[in-house]
Structures are given as C-alpha cells and as structure tokens.
C-alpha cells in the first residue's frame, strides 16, 4: 500500500501549535497549583481553629 504524501507544516505553524500547547499546559498547571495552595490553607486554618 502506498503512503500518502504528508503536508509539511511551516515553521510558523509549528511554533503556533507549540505555543497553544504550552499555554494550555501552563494554564492547567496554574489551576492545579492554586487548588493545592487552597487545600493547604484550609488545612492550616482547620489546625488553628481546632486548637
């Protein structure tokens, strides 16, 4: 079976894709970090409150 020729993407298109992927990953990481910080704060407040 013959393979179909693949369309080469330009450097600009590649950079654009990489930027979008990186932005999505960074955004998700910030959400996770925020959730962890909120959880840590809740635990600290609970410890102080329970004393």
PDB file of N, CA and C in Angstrom:
ATOM      1  N   UNK A   1       0.841  -1.192   0.000  1.00  0.00           N
ATOM      2  CA  UNK A   1       0.000   0.000   0.000  1.00  0.00           C
ATOM      3  C   UNK A   1       0.883   1.251   0.000  1.00  0.00           C
ATOM      4  N   UNK A   2       0.524   2.161  -0.858  1.00  0.00           N
ATOM      5  CA  UNK A   2       1.316   3.390  -0.966  1.00  0.00           C
ATOM      6  C   UNK A   2       0.974   4.348   0.174  1.00  0.00           C
ATOM      7  N   UNK A   3       1.975   5.006   0.692  1.00  0.00           N
ATOM      8  CA  UNK A   3       1.699   6.008   1.726  1.00  0.00           C
ATOM      9  C   UNK A   3       1.380   7.331   1.041  1.00  0.00           C
ATOM     10  N   UNK A   4       0.452   8.026   1.624  1.00  0.00           N
ATOM     11  CA  UNK A   4       0.072   9.329   1.071  1.00  0.00           C
ATOM     12  C   UNK A   4       1.114  10.367   1.456  1.00  0.00           C
ATOM     13  N   UNK A   5       1.395  11.295   0.583  1.00  0.00           N
ATOM     14  CA  UNK A   5       2.365  12.341   0.951  1.00  0.00           C
ATOM     15  C   UNK A   5       1.803  13.187   2.096  1.00  0.00           C
ATOM     16  N   UNK A   6       2.632  13.454   3.058  1.00  0.00           N
ATOM     17  CA  UNK A   6       2.187  14.276   4.187  1.00  0.00           C
ATOM     18  C   UNK A   6       2.442  15.744   3.869  1.00  0.00           C
ATOM     19  N   UNK A   7       1.572  16.590   4.382  1.00  0.00           N
ATOM     20  CA  UNK A   7       1.719  18.029   4.152  1.00  0.00           C
ATOM     21  C   UNK A   7       2.742  18.563   5.149  1.00  0.00           C
ATOM     22  N   UNK A   8       3.770  19.159   4.627  1.00  0.00           N
ATOM     23  CA  UNK A   8       4.772  19.750   5.502  1.00  0.00           C
ATOM     24  C   UNK A   8       4.194  21.013   6.125  1.00  0.00           C
ATOM     25  N   UNK A   9       4.458  21.191   7.412  1.00  0.00           N
ATOM     26  CA  UNK A   9       3.966  22.415   8.051  1.00  0.00           C
ATOM     27  C   UNK A   9       5.120  23.414   8.143  1.00  0.00           C
ATOM     28  N   UNK A  10       4.760  24.656   8.065  1.00  0.00           N
ATOM     29  CA  UNK A  10       5.792  25.693   8.108  1.00  0.00           C
ATOM     30  C   UNK A  10       6.283  25.873   9.543  1.00  0.00           C
ATOM     31  N   UNK A  11       7.405  26.515   9.663  1.00  0.00           N
ATOM     32  CA  UNK A  11       7.971  26.764  10.989  1.00  0.00           C
ATOM     33  C   UNK A  11       7.005  27.613  11.831  1.00  0.00           C
ATOM     34  N   UNK A  12       6.352  28.563  11.171  1.00  0.00           N
ATOM     35  CA  UNK A  12       5.385  29.412  11.881  1.00  0.00           C
ATOM     36  C   UNK A  12       4.213  28.610  12.422  1.00  0.00           C
ATOM     37  N   UNK A  13       3.718  27.669  11.619  1.00  0.00           N
ATOM     38  CA  UNK A  13       2.610  26.817  12.071  1.00  0.00           C
ATOM     39  C   UNK A  13       3.040  25.943  13.242  1.00  0.00           C
ATOM     40  N   UNK A  14       4.240  25.410  13.146  1.00  0.00           N
ATOM     41  CA  UNK A  14       4.768  24.574  14.223  1.00  0.00           C
ATOM     42  C   UNK A  14       4.897  25.384  15.511  1.00  0.00           C
ATOM     43  N   UNK A  15       5.449  26.589  15.402  1.00  0.00           N
ATOM     44  CA  UNK A  15       5.601  27.454  16.573  1.00  0.00           C
ATOM     45  C   UNK A  15       4.239  27.802  17.169  1.00  0.00           C
ATOM     46  N   UNK A  16       3.269  28.059  16.308  1.00  0.00           N
ATOM     47  CA  UNK A  16       1.927  28.395  16.768  1.00  0.00           C
ATOM     48  C   UNK A  16       1.320  27.231  17.549  1.00  0.00           C
ATOM     49  N   UNK A  17       1.462  26.020  17.001  1.00  0.00           N
ATOM     50  CA  UNK A  17       0.940  24.821  17.695  1.00  0.00           C
ATOM     51  C   UNK A  17       1.622  24.643  19.040  1.00  0.00           C
ATOM     52  N   UNK A  18       2.953  24.803  19.042  1.00  0.00           N
ATOM     53  CA  UNK A  18       3.702  24.641  20.292  1.00  0.00           C
ATOM     54  C   UNK A  18       3.275  25.684  21.320  1.00  0.00           C
ATOM     55  N   UNK A  19       3.052  26.913  20.882  1.00  0.00           N
ATOM     56  CA  UNK A  19       2.626  27.976  21.794  1.00  0.00           C
ATOM     57  C   UNK A  19       1.272  27.646  22.407  1.00  0.00           C
ATOM     58  N   UNK A  20       0.334  27.165  21.581  1.00  0.00           N
ATOM     59  CA  UNK A  20      -1.005  26.823  22.089  1.00  0.00           C
ATOM     60  C   UNK A  20      -0.921  25.687  23.102  1.00  0.00           C
ATOM     61  N   UNK A  21      -0.129  24.671  22.794  1.00  0.00           N
ATOM     62  CA  UNK A  21       0.030  23.526  23.697  1.00  0.00           C
ATOM     63  C   UNK A  21       0.650  23.970  25.016  1.00  0.00           C
ATOM     64  N   UNK A  22       1.698  24.786  24.908  1.00  0.00           N
ATOM     65  CA  UNK A  22       2.382  25.259  26.118  1.00  0.00           C
ATOM     66  C   UNK A  22       1.455  26.126  26.962  1.00  0.00           C
ATOM     67  N   UNK A  23       0.656  26.970  26.325  1.00  0.00           N
ATOM     68  CA  UNK A  23      -0.261  27.847  27.060  1.00  0.00           C
ATOM     69  C   UNK A  23      -1.312  27.018  27.796  1.00  0.00           C
ATOM     70  N   UNK A  24      -1.838  25.996  27.133  1.00  0.00           N
ATOM     71  CA  UNK A  24      -2.843  25.140  27.766  1.00  0.00           C
ATOM     72  C   UNK A  24      -2.245  24.390  28.948  1.00  0.00           C
ATOM     73  N   UNK A  25      -1.020  23.899  28.753  1.00  0.00           N
ATOM     74  CA  UNK A  25      -0.356  23.149  29.821  1.00  0.00           C
ATOM     75  C   UNK A  25      -0.063  24.060  31.006  1.00  0.00           C
ATOM     76  N   UNK A  26       0.405  25.282  30.731  1.00  0.00           N
ATOM     77  CA  UNK A  26       0.726  26.242  31.790  1.00  0.00           C
ATOM     78  C   UNK A  26      -0.529  26.614  32.565  1.00  0.00           C
ATOM     79  N   UNK A  27      -1.632  26.827  31.837  1.00  0.00           N
ATOM     80  CA  UNK A  27      -2.899  27.186  32.471  1.00  0.00           C
ATOM     81  C   UNK A  27      -3.367  26.069  33.394  1.00  0.00           C
ATOM     82  N   UNK A  28      -3.284  24.840  32.921  1.00  0.00           N
ATOM     83  CA  UNK A  28      -3.711  23.693  33.730  1.00  0.00           C
ATOM     84  C   UNK A  28      -2.837  23.575  34.972  1.00  0.00           C
ATOM     85  N   UNK A  29      -1.532  23.783  34.807  1.00  0.00           N
ATOM     86  CA  UNK A  29      -0.606  23.702  35.938  1.00  0.00           C
ATOM     87  C   UNK A  29      -0.931  24.769  36.992  1.00  0.00           C
ATOM     88  N   UNK A  30      -1.255  25.988  36.519  1.00  0.00           N
ATOM     89  CA  UNK A  30      -1.625  27.062  37.457  1.00  0.00           C
ATOM     90  C   UNK A  30      -2.882  26.697  38.232  1.00  0.00           C
ATOM     91  N   UNK A  31      -3.863  26.091  37.546  1.00  0.00           N
ATOM     92  CA  UNK A  31      -5.092  25.656  38.226  1.00  0.00           C
ATOM     93  C   UNK A  31      -4.775  24.636  39.307  1.00  0.00           C
ATOM     94  N   UNK A  32      -3.920  23.670  38.972  1.00  0.00           N
ATOM     95  CA  UNK A  32      -3.544  22.635  39.941  1.00  0.00           C
ATOM     96  C   UNK A  32      -2.810  23.259  41.120  1.00  0.00           C
ATOM     97  N   UNK A  33      -1.862  24.150  40.843  1.00  0.00           N
ATOM     98  CA  UNK A  33      -1.112  24.814  41.917  1.00  0.00           C
ATOM     99  C   UNK A  33      -2.041  25.605  42.825  1.00  0.00           C
ATOM    100  N   UNK A  34      -3.029  26.285  42.233  1.00  0.00           N
ATOM    101  CA  UNK A  34      -3.973  27.072  43.018  1.00  0.00           C
ATOM    102  C   UNK A  34      -4.806  26.167  43.920  1.00  0.00           C
ATOM    103  N   UNK A  35      -5.255  25.046  43.372  1.00  0.00           N
ATOM    104  CA  UNK A  35      -6.043  24.102  44.161  1.00  0.00           C
ATOM    105  C   UNK A  35      -5.245  23.564  45.341  1.00  0.00           C
ATOM    106  N   UNK A  36      -3.962  23.238  45.089  1.00  0.00           N
ATOM    107  CA  UNK A  36      -3.104  22.740  46.171  1.00  0.00           C
ATOM    108  C   UNK A  36      -2.878  23.807  47.236  1.00  0.00           C
ATOM    109  N   UNK A  37      -2.684  25.047  46.807  1.00  0.00           N
ATOM    110  CA  UNK A  37      -2.490  26.143  47.757  1.00  0.00           C
ATOM    111  C   UNK A  37      -3.756  26.356  48.592  1.00  0.00           C
ATOM    112  N   UNK A  38      -4.916  26.295  47.947  1.00  0.00           N
ATOM    113  CA  UNK A  38      -6.189  26.440  48.673  1.00  0.00           C
ATOM    114  C   UNK A  38      -6.359  25.330  49.701  1.00  0.00           C
ATOM    115  N   UNK A  39      -6.020  24.121  49.303  1.00  0.00           N
ATOM    116  CA  UNK A  39      -6.159  22.976  50.209  1.00  0.00           C
ATOM    117  C   UNK A  39      -5.228  23.135  51.409  1.00  0.00           C
ATOM    118  N   UNK A  40      -3.983  23.555  51.154  1.00  0.00           N
ATOM    119  CA  UNK A  40      -3.012  23.749  52.231  1.00  0.00           C
ATOM    120  C   UNK A  40      -3.517  24.820  53.204  1.00  0.00           C
ATOM    121  N   UNK A  41      -4.085  25.894  52.660  1.00  0.00           N
ATOM    122  CA  UNK A  41      -4.617  26.964  53.505  1.00  0.00           C
ATOM    123  C   UNK A  41      -5.778  26.458  54.357  1.00  0.00           C
ATOM    124  N   UNK A  42      -6.667  25.667  53.750  1.00  0.00           N
ATOM    125  CA  UNK A  42      -7.798  25.104  54.510  1.00  0.00           C
ATOM    126  C   UNK A  42      -7.301  24.244  55.661  1.00  0.00           C
ATOM    127  N   UNK A  43      -6.260  23.433  55.403  1.00  0.00           N
ATOM    128  CA  UNK A  43      -5.711  22.579  56.464  1.00  0.00           C
ATOM    129  C   UNK A  43      -5.105  23.423  57.583  1.00  0.00           C
ATOM    130  N   UNK A  44      -4.398  24.476  57.200  1.00  0.00           N
ATOM    131  CA  UNK A  44      -3.792  25.345  58.221  1.00  0.00           C
ATOM    132  C   UNK A  44      -4.878  26.007  59.064  1.00  0.00           C
ATOM    133  N   UNK A  45      -5.909  26.500  58.400  1.00  0.00           N
ATOM    134  CA  UNK A  45      -6.994  27.150  59.133  1.00  0.00           C
ATOM    135  C   UNK A  45      -7.698  26.175  60.061  1.00  0.00           C
ATOM    136  N   UNK A  46      -7.893  24.949  59.592  1.00  0.00           N
ATOM    137  CA  UNK A  46      -8.545  23.940  60.415  1.00  0.00           C
ATOM    138  C   UNK A  46      -7.712  23.635  61.650  1.00  0.00           C
ATOM    139  N   UNK A  47      -6.373  23.542  61.475  1.00  0.00           N
ATOM    140  CA  UNK A  47      -5.497  23.266  62.610  1.00  0.00           C
ATOM    141  C   UNK A  47      -5.596  24.398  63.649  1.00  0.00           C
ATOM    142  N   UNK A  48      -5.570  25.623  63.180  1.00  0.00           N
ATOM    143  CA  UNK A  48      -5.647  26.772  64.085  1.00  0.00           C
ATOM    144  C   UNK A  48      -7.004  26.799  64.770  1.00  0.00           C
ATOM    145  N   UNK A  49      -8.048  26.543  64.008  1.00  0.00           N
ATOM    146  CA  UNK A  49      -9.417  26.588  64.523  1.00  0.00           C
ATOM    147  C   UNK A  49      -9.643  25.518  65.570  1.00  0.00           C
ATOM    148  N   UNK A  50      -9.070  24.335  65.360  1.00  0.00           N
ATOM    149  CA  UNK A  50      -9.284  23.190  66.267  1.00  0.00           C
ATOM    150  C   UNK A  50      -8.471  23.280  67.542  1.00  0.00           C
ATOM    151  N   UNK A  51      -7.471  24.168  67.588  1.00  0.00           N
ATOM    152  CA  UNK A  51      -6.626  24.258  68.794  1.00  0.00           C
ATOM    153  C   UNK A  51      -7.385  24.768  69.983  1.00  0.00           C
TER     154      UNK A  51
END
